[in-house]
Amino acid sequence: KGLKVDRRLEEHFGDMMIESLDIPFF
């Protein structure tokens, strides 16, 4: 279903935006 993966990504990365990360990321 992918619900576990969705919950874990949200738990650990929350509402982080790529542009706001300390190091340029892709």
mmCIF file of all heavy atoms, coordinates in Angstrom:
data_MODEL
# 
_entry.id   MODEL 
# 
loop_
_atom_site.group_PDB 
_atom_site.id 
_atom_site.type_symbol 
_atom_site.label_atom_id 
_atom_site.label_alt_id 
_atom_site.label_comp_id 
_atom_site.label_asym_id 
_atom_site.label_entity_id 
_atom_site.label_seq_id 
_atom_site.pdbx_PDB_ins_code 
_atom_site.Cartn_x 
_atom_site.Cartn_y 
_atom_site.Cartn_z 
_atom_site.occupancy 
_atom_site.B_iso_or_equiv 
_atom_site.pdbx_formal_charge 
_atom_site.auth_seq_id 
_atom_site.auth_comp_id 
_atom_site.auth_asym_id 
_atom_site.auth_atom_id 
_atom_site.pdbx_PDB_model_num 
ATOM 1   N N   . LYS A 1 1  ? 0.816  -1.209 0.000  1.00 0.00 ? 1  LYS A N   1 
ATOM 2   C CA  . LYS A 1 1  ? 0.000  0.000  0.000  1.00 0.00 ? 1  LYS A CA  1 
ATOM 3   C C   . LYS A 1 1  ? 0.852  1.262  0.000  1.00 0.00 ? 1  LYS A C   1 
ATOM 4   O O   . LYS A 1 1  ? 0.437  2.305  -0.515 1.00 0.00 ? 1  LYS A O   1 
ATOM 5   C CB  . LYS A 1 1  ? -0.927 0.002  1.206  1.00 0.00 ? 1  LYS A CB  1 
ATOM 6   C CG  . LYS A 1 1  ? -1.902 -1.168 1.243  1.00 0.00 ? 1  LYS A CG  1 
ATOM 7   C CD  . LYS A 1 1  ? -2.705 -1.151 2.529  1.00 0.00 ? 1  LYS A CD  1 
ATOM 8   C CE  . LYS A 1 1  ? -3.646 -2.356 2.612  1.00 0.00 ? 1  LYS A CE  1 
ATOM 9   N NZ  . LYS A 1 1  ? -4.392 -2.392 3.897  1.00 0.00 ? 1  LYS A NZ  1 
ATOM 10  N N   . GLY A 1 2  ? 2.021  1.195  0.633  1.00 0.00 ? 2  GLY A N   1 
ATOM 11  C CA  . GLY A 1 2  ? 2.897  2.361  0.691  1.00 0.00 ? 2  GLY A CA  1 
ATOM 12  C C   . GLY A 1 2  ? 2.604  3.304  1.828  1.00 0.00 ? 2  GLY A C   1 
ATOM 13  O O   . GLY A 1 2  ? 3.282  4.320  1.984  1.00 0.00 ? 2  GLY A O   1 
ATOM 14  N N   . LEU A 1 3  ? 1.627  2.955  2.659  1.00 0.00 ? 3  LEU A N   1 
ATOM 15  C CA  . LEU A 1 3  ? 1.265  3.857  3.755  1.00 0.00 ? 3  LEU A CA  1 
ATOM 16  C C   . LEU A 1 3  ? 2.366  3.931  4.805  1.00 0.00 ? 3  LEU A C   1 
ATOM 17  O O   . LEU A 1 3  ? 2.611  4.990  5.394  1.00 0.00 ? 3  LEU A O   1 
ATOM 18  C CB  . LEU A 1 3  ? -0.051 3.408  4.383  1.00 0.00 ? 3  LEU A CB  1 
ATOM 19  C CG  . LEU A 1 3  ? -1.269 3.422  3.447  1.00 0.00 ? 3  LEU A CG  1 
ATOM 20  C CD1 . LEU A 1 3  ? -2.513 2.925  4.180  1.00 0.00 ? 3  LEU A CD1 1 
ATOM 21  C CD2 . LEU A 1 3  ? -1.499 4.826  2.902  1.00 0.00 ? 3  LEU A CD2 1 
ATOM 22  N N   . LYS A 1 4  ? 3.039  2.788  5.045  1.00 0.00 ? 4  LYS A N   1 
ATOM 23  C CA  . LYS A 1 4  ? 4.137  2.797  6.010  1.00 0.00 ? 4  LYS A CA  1 
ATOM 24  C C   . LYS A 1 4  ? 5.268  3.717  5.547  1.00 0.00 ? 4  LYS A C   1 
ATOM 25  O O   . LYS A 1 4  ? 5.818  4.495  6.335  1.00 0.00 ? 4  LYS A O   1 
ATOM 26  C CB  . LYS A 1 4  ? 4.676  1.379  6.202  1.00 0.00 ? 4  LYS A CB  1 
ATOM 27  C CG  . LYS A 1 4  ? 3.819  0.477  7.089  1.00 0.00 ? 4  LYS A CG  1 
ATOM 28  C CD  . LYS A 1 4  ? 4.561  -0.820 7.371  1.00 0.00 ? 4  LYS A CD  1 
ATOM 29  C CE  . LYS A 1 4  ? 3.783  -1.682 8.356  1.00 0.00 ? 4  LYS A CE  1 
ATOM 30  N NZ  . LYS A 1 4  ? 4.509  -2.936 8.675  1.00 0.00 ? 4  LYS A NZ  1 
ATOM 31  N N   . VAL A 1 5  ? 5.610  3.613  4.289  1.00 0.00 ? 5  VAL A N   1 
ATOM 32  C CA  . VAL A 1 5  ? 6.669  4.461  3.753  1.00 0.00 ? 5  VAL A CA  1 
ATOM 33  C C   . VAL A 1 5  ? 6.273  5.925  3.845  1.00 0.00 ? 5  VAL A C   1 
ATOM 34  O O   . VAL A 1 5  ? 7.074  6.776  4.256  1.00 0.00 ? 5  VAL A O   1 
ATOM 35  C CB  . VAL A 1 5  ? 6.977  4.071  2.293  1.00 0.00 ? 5  VAL A CB  1 
ATOM 36  C CG1 . VAL A 1 5  ? 7.932  5.078  1.659  1.00 0.00 ? 5  VAL A CG1 1 
ATOM 37  C CG2 . VAL A 1 5  ? 7.569  2.675  2.219  1.00 0.00 ? 5  VAL A CG2 1 
ATOM 38  N N   . ASP A 1 6  ? 5.039  6.241  3.511  1.00 0.00 ? 6  ASP A N   1 
ATOM 39  C CA  . ASP A 1 6  ? 4.565  7.628  3.575  1.00 0.00 ? 6  ASP A CA  1 
ATOM 40  C C   . ASP A 1 6  ? 4.686  8.178  4.994  1.00 0.00 ? 6  ASP A C   1 
ATOM 41  O O   . ASP A 1 6  ? 5.158  9.303  5.199  1.00 0.00 ? 6  ASP A O   1 
ATOM 42  C CB  . ASP A 1 6  ? 3.108  7.716  3.105  1.00 0.00 ? 6  ASP A CB  1 
ATOM 43  C CG  . ASP A 1 6  ? 2.955  7.435  1.623  1.00 0.00 ? 6  ASP A CG  1 
ATOM 44  O OD1 . ASP A 1 6  ? 3.972  7.493  0.900  1.00 0.00 ? 6  ASP A OD1 1 
ATOM 45  O OD2 . ASP A 1 6  ? 1.829  7.159  1.183  1.00 0.00 ? 6  ASP A OD2 1 
ATOM 46  N N   . ARG A 1 7  ? 4.249  7.375  5.972  1.00 0.00 ? 7  ARG A N   1 
ATOM 47  C CA  . ARG A 1 7  ? 4.286  7.841  7.367  1.00 0.00 ? 7  ARG A CA  1 
ATOM 48  C C   . ARG A 1 7  ? 5.715  8.055  7.843  1.00 0.00 ? 7  ARG A C   1 
ATOM 49  O O   . ARG A 1 7  ? 6.000  9.025  8.567  1.00 0.00 ? 7  ARG A O   1 
ATOM 50  C CB  . ARG A 1 7  ? 3.572  6.836  8.270  1.00 0.00 ? 7  ARG A CB  1 
ATOM 51  C CG  . ARG A 1 7  ? 2.047  6.878  8.157  1.00 0.00 ? 7  ARG A CG  1 
ATOM 52  C CD  . ARG A 1 7  ? 1.404  6.155  9.323  1.00 0.00 ? 7  ARG A CD  1 
ATOM 53  N NE  . ARG A 1 7  ? 1.732  4.736  9.320  1.00 0.00 ? 7  ARG A NE  1 
ATOM 54  C CZ  . ARG A 1 7  ? 0.992  3.791  8.743  1.00 0.00 ? 7  ARG A CZ  1 
ATOM 55  N NH1 . ARG A 1 7  ? -0.113 4.125  8.096  1.00 0.00 ? 7  ARG A NH1 1 
ATOM 56  N NH2 . ARG A 1 7  ? 1.355  2.522  8.800  1.00 0.00 ? 7  ARG A NH2 1 
ATOM 57  N N   . ARG A 1 8  ? 6.623  7.169  7.437  1.00 0.00 ? 8  ARG A N   1 
ATOM 58  C CA  . ARG A 1 8  ? 8.005  7.289  7.909  1.00 0.00 ? 8  ARG A CA  1 
ATOM 59  C C   . ARG A 1 8  ? 8.721  8.466  7.262  1.00 0.00 ? 8  ARG A C   1 
ATOM 60  O O   . ARG A 1 8  ? 9.510  9.147  7.921  1.00 0.00 ? 8  ARG A O   1 
ATOM 61  C CB  . ARG A 1 8  ? 8.744  5.979  7.640  1.00 0.00 ? 8  ARG A CB  1 
ATOM 62  C CG  . ARG A 1 8  ? 8.181  4.873  8.516  1.00 0.00 ? 8  ARG A CG  1 
ATOM 63  C CD  . ARG A 1 8  ? 8.769  3.517  8.219  1.00 0.00 ? 8  ARG A CD  1 
ATOM 64  N NE  . ARG A 1 8  ? 7.965  2.487  8.894  1.00 0.00 ? 8  ARG A NE  1 
ATOM 65  C CZ  . ARG A 1 8  ? 8.345  1.231  9.051  1.00 0.00 ? 8  ARG A CZ  1 
ATOM 66  N NH1 . ARG A 1 8  ? 9.511  0.843  8.600  1.00 0.00 ? 8  ARG A NH1 1 
ATOM 67  N NH2 . ARG A 1 8  ? 7.560  0.378  9.659  1.00 0.00 ? 8  ARG A NH2 1 
ATOM 68  N N   . LEU A 1 9  ? 8.457  8.701  6.018  1.00 0.00 ? 9  LEU A N   1 
ATOM 69  C CA  . LEU A 1 9  ? 9.048  9.882  5.386  1.00 0.00 ? 9  LEU A CA  1 
ATOM 70  C C   . LEU A 1 9  ? 8.532  11.160 6.025  1.00 0.00 ? 9  LEU A C   1 
ATOM 71  O O   . LEU A 1 9  ? 9.288  12.117 6.245  1.00 0.00 ? 9  LEU A O   1 
ATOM 72  C CB  . LEU A 1 9  ? 8.753  9.881  3.885  1.00 0.00 ? 9  LEU A CB  1 
ATOM 73  C CG  . LEU A 1 9  ? 9.458  8.805  3.050  1.00 0.00 ? 9  LEU A CG  1 
ATOM 74  C CD1 . LEU A 1 9  ? 8.983  8.869  1.601  1.00 0.00 ? 9  LEU A CD1 1 
ATOM 75  C CD2 . LEU A 1 9  ? 10.974 8.959  3.110  1.00 0.00 ? 9  LEU A CD2 1 
ATOM 76  N N   . GLU A 1 10 ? 7.252  11.184 6.346  1.00 0.00 ? 10 GLU A N   1 
ATOM 77  C CA  . GLU A 1 10 ? 6.693  12.371 6.992  1.00 0.00 ? 10 GLU A CA  1 
ATOM 78  C C   . GLU A 1 10 ? 7.248  12.538 8.401  1.00 0.00 ? 10 GLU A C   1 
ATOM 79  O O   . GLU A 1 10 ? 7.535  13.658 8.843  1.00 0.00 ? 10 GLU A O   1 
ATOM 80  C CB  . GLU A 1 10 ? 5.170  12.275 7.041  1.00 0.00 ? 10 GLU A CB  1 
ATOM 81  C CG  . GLU A 1 10 ? 4.512  13.515 7.638  1.00 0.00 ? 10 GLU A CG  1 
ATOM 82  C CD  . GLU A 1 10 ? 3.005  13.468 7.542  1.00 0.00 ? 10 GLU A CD  1 
ATOM 83  O OE1 . GLU A 1 10 ? 2.456  12.400 7.165  1.00 0.00 ? 10 GLU A OE1 1 
ATOM 84  O OE2 . GLU A 1 10 ? 2.362  14.493 7.853  1.00 0.00 ? 10 GLU A OE2 1 
ATOM 85  N N   . GLU A 1 11 ? 7.409  11.419 9.127  1.00 0.00 ? 11 GLU A N   1 
ATOM 86  C CA  . GLU A 1 11 ? 7.927  11.492 10.494 1.00 0.00 ? 11 GLU A CA  1 
ATOM 87  C C   . GLU A 1 11 ? 9.332  12.073 10.538 1.00 0.00 ? 11 GLU A C   1 
ATOM 88  O O   . GLU A 1 11 ? 9.658  12.880 11.424 1.00 0.00 ? 11 GLU A O   1 
ATOM 89  C CB  . GLU A 1 11 ? 7.935  10.086 11.114 1.00 0.00 ? 11 GLU A CB  1 
ATOM 90  C CG  . GLU A 1 11 ? 8.563  10.034 12.512 1.00 0.00 ? 11 GLU A CG  1 
ATOM 91  C CD  . GLU A 1 11 ? 8.693  8.616  13.044 1.00 0.00 ? 11 GLU A CD  1 
ATOM 92  O OE1 . GLU A 1 11 ? 8.234  7.661  12.366 1.00 0.00 ? 11 GLU A OE1 1 
ATOM 93  O OE2 . GLU A 1 11 ? 9.268  8.457  14.136 1.00 0.00 ? 11 GLU A OE2 1 
ATOM 94  N N   . HIS A 1 12 ? 10.180 11.679 9.590  1.00 0.00 ? 12 HIS A N   1 
ATOM 95  C CA  . HIS A 1 12 ? 11.589 12.062 9.677  1.00 0.00 ? 12 HIS A CA  1 
ATOM 96  C C   . HIS A 1 12 ? 11.941 13.312 8.866  1.00 0.00 ? 12 HIS A C   1 
ATOM 97  O O   . HIS A 1 12 ? 12.894 14.015 9.214  1.00 0.00 ? 12 HIS A O   1 
ATOM 98  C CB  . HIS A 1 12 ? 12.461 10.883 9.241  1.00 0.00 ? 12 HIS A CB  1 
ATOM 99  C CG  . HIS A 1 12 ? 12.372 9.713  10.175 1.00 0.00 ? 12 HIS A CG  1 
ATOM 100 N ND1 . HIS A 1 12 ? 12.991 9.680  11.390 1.00 0.00 ? 12 HIS A ND1 1 
ATOM 101 C CD2 . HIS A 1 12 ? 11.680 8.533  10.071 1.00 0.00 ? 12 HIS A CD2 1 
ATOM 102 C CE1 . HIS A 1 12 ? 12.726 8.537  12.005 1.00 0.00 ? 12 HIS A CE1 1 
ATOM 103 N NE2 . HIS A 1 12 ? 11.929 7.828  11.234 1.00 0.00 ? 12 HIS A NE2 1 
ATOM 104 N N   . PHE A 1 13 ? 11.192 13.597 7.823  1.00 0.00 ? 13 PHE A N   1 
ATOM 105 C CA  . PHE A 1 13 ? 11.527 14.769 7.011  1.00 0.00 ? 13 PHE A CA  1 
ATOM 106 C C   . PHE A 1 13 ? 10.477 15.868 7.088  1.00 0.00 ? 13 PHE A C   1 
ATOM 107 O O   . PHE A 1 13 ? 10.725 16.981 6.624  1.00 0.00 ? 13 PHE A O   1 
ATOM 108 C CB  . PHE A 1 13 ? 11.750 14.348 5.547  1.00 0.00 ? 13 PHE A CB  1 
ATOM 109 C CG  . PHE A 1 13 ? 12.939 13.441 5.369  1.00 0.00 ? 13 PHE A CG  1 
ATOM 110 C CD1 . PHE A 1 13 ? 12.772 12.084 5.165  1.00 0.00 ? 13 PHE A CD1 1 
ATOM 111 C CD2 . PHE A 1 13 ? 14.219 13.955 5.434  1.00 0.00 ? 13 PHE A CD2 1 
ATOM 112 C CE1 . PHE A 1 13 ? 13.864 11.233 5.002  1.00 0.00 ? 13 PHE A CE1 1 
ATOM 113 C CE2 . PHE A 1 13 ? 15.329 13.122 5.276  1.00 0.00 ? 13 PHE A CE2 1 
ATOM 114 C CZ  . PHE A 1 13 ? 15.149 11.762 5.066  1.00 0.00 ? 13 PHE A CZ  1 
ATOM 115 N N   . GLY A 1 14 ? 9.326  15.549 7.675  1.00 0.00 ? 14 GLY A N   1 
ATOM 116 C CA  . GLY A 1 14 ? 8.316  16.561 7.929  1.00 0.00 ? 14 GLY A CA  1 
ATOM 117 C C   . GLY A 1 14 ? 8.011  17.427 6.723  1.00 0.00 ? 14 GLY A C   1 
ATOM 118 O O   . GLY A 1 14 ? 7.769  16.936 5.626  1.00 0.00 ? 14 GLY A O   1 
ATOM 119 N N   . ASP A 1 15 ? 8.052  18.743 6.950  1.00 0.00 ? 15 ASP A N   1 
ATOM 120 C CA  . ASP A 1 15 ? 7.748  19.693 5.886  1.00 0.00 ? 15 ASP A CA  1 
ATOM 121 C C   . ASP A 1 15 ? 9.010  20.364 5.328  1.00 0.00 ? 15 ASP A C   1 
ATOM 122 O O   . ASP A 1 15 ? 8.960  21.488 4.804  1.00 0.00 ? 15 ASP A O   1 
ATOM 123 C CB  . ASP A 1 15 ? 6.790  20.769 6.409  1.00 0.00 ? 15 ASP A CB  1 
ATOM 124 C CG  . ASP A 1 15 ? 5.418  20.202 6.732  1.00 0.00 ? 15 ASP A CG  1 
ATOM 125 O OD1 . ASP A 1 15 ? 5.015  19.239 6.046  1.00 0.00 ? 15 ASP A OD1 1 
ATOM 126 O OD2 . ASP A 1 15 ? 4.767  20.708 7.663  1.00 0.00 ? 15 ASP A OD2 1 
ATOM 127 N N   . MET A 1 16 ? 10.138 19.688 5.454  1.00 0.00 ? 16 MET A N   1 
ATOM 128 C CA  . MET A 1 16 ? 11.380 20.244 4.910  1.00 0.00 ? 16 MET A CA  1 
ATOM 129 C C   . MET A 1 16 ? 11.233 20.490 3.413  1.00 0.00 ? 16 MET A C   1 
ATOM 130 O O   . MET A 1 16 ? 10.710 19.652 2.683  1.00 0.00 ? 16 MET A O   1 
ATOM 131 C CB  . MET A 1 16 ? 12.552 19.277 5.128  1.00 0.00 ? 16 MET A CB  1 
ATOM 132 C CG  . MET A 1 16 ? 13.010 19.105 6.543  1.00 0.00 ? 16 MET A CG  1 
ATOM 133 S SD  . MET A 1 16 ? 14.476 18.011 6.565  1.00 0.00 ? 16 MET A SD  1 
ATOM 134 C CE  . MET A 1 16 ? 14.730 17.855 8.337  1.00 0.00 ? 16 MET A CE  1 
ATOM 135 N N   . MET A 1 17 ? 11.738 21.635 2.969  1.00 0.00 ? 17 MET A N   1 
ATOM 136 C CA  . MET A 1 17 ? 11.785 21.950 1.545  1.00 0.00 ? 17 MET A CA  1 
ATOM 137 C C   . MET A 1 17 ? 13.214 21.740 1.042  1.00 0.00 ? 17 MET A C   1 
ATOM 138 O O   . MET A 1 17 ? 14.183 22.033 1.744  1.00 0.00 ? 17 MET A O   1 
ATOM 139 C CB  . MET A 1 17 ? 11.351 23.396 1.305  1.00 0.00 ? 17 MET A CB  1 
ATOM 140 C CG  . MET A 1 17 ? 9.963  23.731 1.841  1.00 0.00 ? 17 MET A CG  1 
ATOM 141 S SD  . MET A 1 17 ? 8.649  22.780 1.036  1.00 0.00 ? 17 MET A SD  1 
ATOM 142 C CE  . MET A 1 17 ? 8.654  23.507 -0.605 1.00 0.00 ? 17 MET A CE  1 
ATOM 143 N N   . ILE A 1 18 ? 13.337 21.244 -0.154 1.00 0.00 ? 18 ILE A N   1 
ATOM 144 C CA  . ILE A 1 18 ? 14.661 20.975 -0.711 1.00 0.00 ? 18 ILE A CA  1 
ATOM 145 C C   . ILE A 1 18 ? 15.506 22.245 -0.738 1.00 0.00 ? 18 ILE A C   1 
ATOM 146 O O   . ILE A 1 18 ? 16.703 22.219 -0.417 1.00 0.00 ? 18 ILE A O   1 
ATOM 147 C CB  . ILE A 1 18 ? 14.523 20.380 -2.128 1.00 0.00 ? 18 ILE A CB  1 
ATOM 148 C CG1 . ILE A 1 18 ? 13.902 18.979 -2.053 1.00 0.00 ? 18 ILE A CG1 1 
ATOM 149 C CG2 . ILE A 1 18 ? 15.879 20.314 -2.824 1.00 0.00 ? 18 ILE A CG2 1 
ATOM 150 C CD1 . ILE A 1 18 ? 13.633 18.352 -3.404 1.00 0.00 ? 18 ILE A CD1 1 
ATOM 151 N N   . GLU A 1 19 ? 14.895 23.385 -1.078 1.00 0.00 ? 19 GLU A N   1 
ATOM 152 C CA  . GLU A 1 19 ? 15.650 24.637 -1.184 1.00 0.00 ? 19 GLU A CA  1 
ATOM 153 C C   . GLU A 1 19 ? 16.176 25.122 0.162  1.00 0.00 ? 19 GLU A C   1 
ATOM 154 O O   . GLU A 1 19 ? 17.091 25.949 0.201  1.00 0.00 ? 19 GLU A O   1 
ATOM 155 C CB  . GLU A 1 19 ? 14.785 25.746 -1.785 1.00 0.00 ? 19 GLU A CB  1 
ATOM 156 C CG  . GLU A 1 19 ? 14.142 25.396 -3.103 1.00 0.00 ? 19 GLU A CG  1 
ATOM 157 C CD  . GLU A 1 19 ? 12.723 24.862 -2.929 1.00 0.00 ? 19 GLU A CD  1 
ATOM 158 O OE1 . GLU A 1 19 ? 12.524 23.974 -2.069 1.00 0.00 ? 19 GLU A OE1 1 
ATOM 159 O OE2 . GLU A 1 19 ? 11.830 25.326 -3.639 1.00 0.00 ? 19 GLU A OE2 1 
ATOM 160 N N   . SER A 1 20 ? 15.598 24.613 1.268  1.00 0.00 ? 20 SER A N   1 
ATOM 161 C CA  . SER A 1 20 ? 15.999 25.081 2.588  1.00 0.00 ? 20 SER A CA  1 
ATOM 162 C C   . SER A 1 20 ? 17.044 24.193 3.245  1.00 0.00 ? 20 SER A C   1 
ATOM 163 O O   . SER A 1 20 ? 17.490 24.487 4.360  1.00 0.00 ? 20 SER A O   1 
ATOM 164 C CB  . SER A 1 20 ? 14.765 25.176 3.506  1.00 0.00 ? 20 SER A CB  1 
ATOM 165 O OG  . SER A 1 20 ? 13.831 26.107 2.991  1.00 0.00 ? 20 SER A OG  1 
ATOM 166 N N   . LEU A 1 21 ? 17.438 23.114 2.609  1.00 0.00 ? 21 LEU A N   1 
ATOM 167 C CA  . LEU A 1 21 ? 18.428 22.212 3.184  1.00 0.00 ? 21 LEU A CA  1 
ATOM 168 C C   . LEU A 1 21 ? 19.783 22.893 3.287  1.00 0.00 ? 21 LEU A C   1 
ATOM 169 O O   . LEU A 1 21 ? 20.114 23.785 2.506  1.00 0.00 ? 21 LEU A O   1 
ATOM 170 C CB  . LEU A 1 21 ? 18.541 20.943 2.334  1.00 0.00 ? 21 LEU A CB  1 
ATOM 171 C CG  . LEU A 1 21 ? 17.279 20.070 2.296  1.00 0.00 ? 21 LEU A CG  1 
ATOM 172 C CD1 . LEU A 1 21 ? 17.445 18.949 1.257  1.00 0.00 ? 21 LEU A CD1 1 
ATOM 173 C CD2 . LEU A 1 21 ? 16.973 19.484 3.665  1.00 0.00 ? 21 LEU A CD2 1 
ATOM 174 N N   . ASP A 1 22 ? 20.582 22.459 4.258  1.00 0.00 ? 22 ASP A N   1 
ATOM 175 C CA  . ASP A 1 22 ? 21.888 23.080 4.491  1.00 0.00 ? 22 ASP A CA  1 
ATOM 176 C C   . ASP A 1 22 ? 22.796 22.984 3.268  1.00 0.00 ? 22 ASP A C   1 
ATOM 177 O O   . ASP A 1 22 ? 23.567 23.897 2.971  1.00 0.00 ? 22 ASP A O   1 
ATOM 178 C CB  . ASP A 1 22 ? 22.584 22.404 5.682  1.00 0.00 ? 22 ASP A CB  1 
ATOM 179 C CG  . ASP A 1 22 ? 21.909 22.713 7.010  1.00 0.00 ? 22 ASP A CG  1 
ATOM 180 O OD1 . ASP A 1 22 ? 20.948 23.510 7.016  1.00 0.00 ? 22 ASP A OD1 1 
ATOM 181 O OD2 . ASP A 1 22 ? 22.336 22.162 8.041  1.00 0.00 ? 22 ASP A OD2 1 
ATOM 182 N N   . ILE A 1 23 ? 22.730 21.841 2.579  1.00 0.00 ? 23 ILE A N   1 
ATOM 183 C CA  . ILE A 1 23 ? 23.611 21.574 1.445  1.00 0.00 ? 23 ILE A CA  1 
ATOM 184 C C   . ILE A 1 23 ? 22.754 21.412 0.195  1.00 0.00 ? 23 ILE A C   1 
ATOM 185 O O   . ILE A 1 23 ? 21.708 20.746 0.249  1.00 0.00 ? 23 ILE A O   1 
ATOM 186 C CB  . ILE A 1 23 ? 24.435 20.288 1.691  1.00 0.00 ? 23 ILE A CB  1 
ATOM 187 C CG1 . ILE A 1 23 ? 25.301 20.451 2.944  1.00 0.00 ? 23 ILE A CG1 1 
ATOM 188 C CG2 . ILE A 1 23 ? 25.294 19.948 0.485  1.00 0.00 ? 23 ILE A CG2 1 
ATOM 189 C CD1 . ILE A 1 23 ? 26.031 19.180 3.341  1.00 0.00 ? 23 ILE A CD1 1 
ATOM 190 N N   . PRO A 1 24 ? 23.149 21.996 -0.937 1.00 0.00 ? 24 PRO A N   1 
ATOM 191 C CA  . PRO A 1 24 ? 22.386 21.796 -2.175 1.00 0.00 ? 24 PRO A CA  1 
ATOM 192 C C   . PRO A 1 24 ? 22.184 20.309 -2.470 1.00 0.00 ? 24 PRO A C   1 
ATOM 193 O O   . PRO A 1 24 ? 23.132 19.524 -2.461 1.00 0.00 ? 24 PRO A O   1 
ATOM 194 C CB  . PRO A 1 24 ? 23.260 22.473 -3.238 1.00 0.00 ? 24 PRO A CB  1 
ATOM 195 C CG  . PRO A 1 24 ? 24.006 23.523 -2.476 1.00 0.00 ? 24 PRO A CG  1 
ATOM 196 C CD  . PRO A 1 24 ? 24.278 22.929 -1.126 1.00 0.00 ? 24 PRO A CD  1 
ATOM 197 N N   . PHE A 1 25 ? 20.928 19.942 -2.759 1.00 0.00 ? 25 PHE A N   1 
ATOM 198 C CA  . PHE A 1 25 ? 20.535 18.526 -2.836 1.00 0.00 ? 25 PHE A CA  1 
ATOM 199 C C   . PHE A 1 25 ? 19.684 18.284 -4.079 1.00 0.00 ? 25 PHE A C   1 
ATOM 200 O O   . PHE A 1 25 ? 18.971 19.172 -4.547 1.00 0.00 ? 25 PHE A O   1 
ATOM 201 C CB  . PHE A 1 25 ? 19.736 18.164 -1.586 1.00 0.00 ? 25 PHE A CB  1 
ATOM 202 C CG  . PHE A 1 25 ? 18.963 16.862 -1.679 1.00 0.00 ? 25 PHE A CG  1 
ATOM 203 C CD1 . PHE A 1 25 ? 19.571 15.655 -1.391 1.00 0.00 ? 25 PHE A CD1 1 
ATOM 204 C CD2 . PHE A 1 25 ? 17.623 16.857 -2.057 1.00 0.00 ? 25 PHE A CD2 1 
ATOM 205 C CE1 . PHE A 1 25 ? 18.868 14.461 -1.487 1.00 0.00 ? 25 PHE A CE1 1 
ATOM 206 C CE2 . PHE A 1 25 ? 16.916 15.672 -2.156 1.00 0.00 ? 25 PHE A CE2 1 
ATOM 207 C CZ  . PHE A 1 25 ? 17.536 14.471 -1.877 1.00 0.00 ? 25 PHE A CZ  1 
ATOM 208 N N   . PHE A 1 26 ? 19.755 17.051 -4.586 1.00 0.00 ? 26 PHE A N   1 
ATOM 209 C CA  . PHE A 1 26 ? 18.829 16.625 -5.628 1.00 0.00 ? 26 PHE A CA  1 
ATOM 210 C C   . PHE A 1 26 ? 18.560 15.132 -5.481 1.00 0.00 ? 26 PHE A C   1 
ATOM 211 O O   . PHE A 1 26 ? 19.355 14.381 -4.902 1.00 0.00 ? 26 PHE A O   1 
ATOM 212 C CB  . PHE A 1 26 ? 19.395 16.902 -7.025 1.00 0.00 ? 26 PHE A CB  1 
ATOM 213 C CG  . PHE A 1 26 ? 20.456 15.910 -7.444 1.00 0.00 ? 26 PHE A CG  1 
ATOM 214 C CD1 . PHE A 1 26 ? 20.125 14.778 -8.185 1.00 0.00 ? 26 PHE A CD1 1 
ATOM 215 C CD2 . PHE A 1 26 ? 21.786 16.096 -7.086 1.00 0.00 ? 26 PHE A CD2 1 
ATOM 216 C CE1 . PHE A 1 26 ? 21.099 13.858 -8.554 1.00 0.00 ? 26 PHE A CE1 1 
ATOM 217 C CE2 . PHE A 1 26 ? 22.758 15.183 -7.449 1.00 0.00 ? 26 PHE A CE2 1 
ATOM 218 C CZ  . PHE A 1 26 ? 22.411 14.054 -8.191 1.00 0.00 ? 26 PHE A CZ  1 
# 
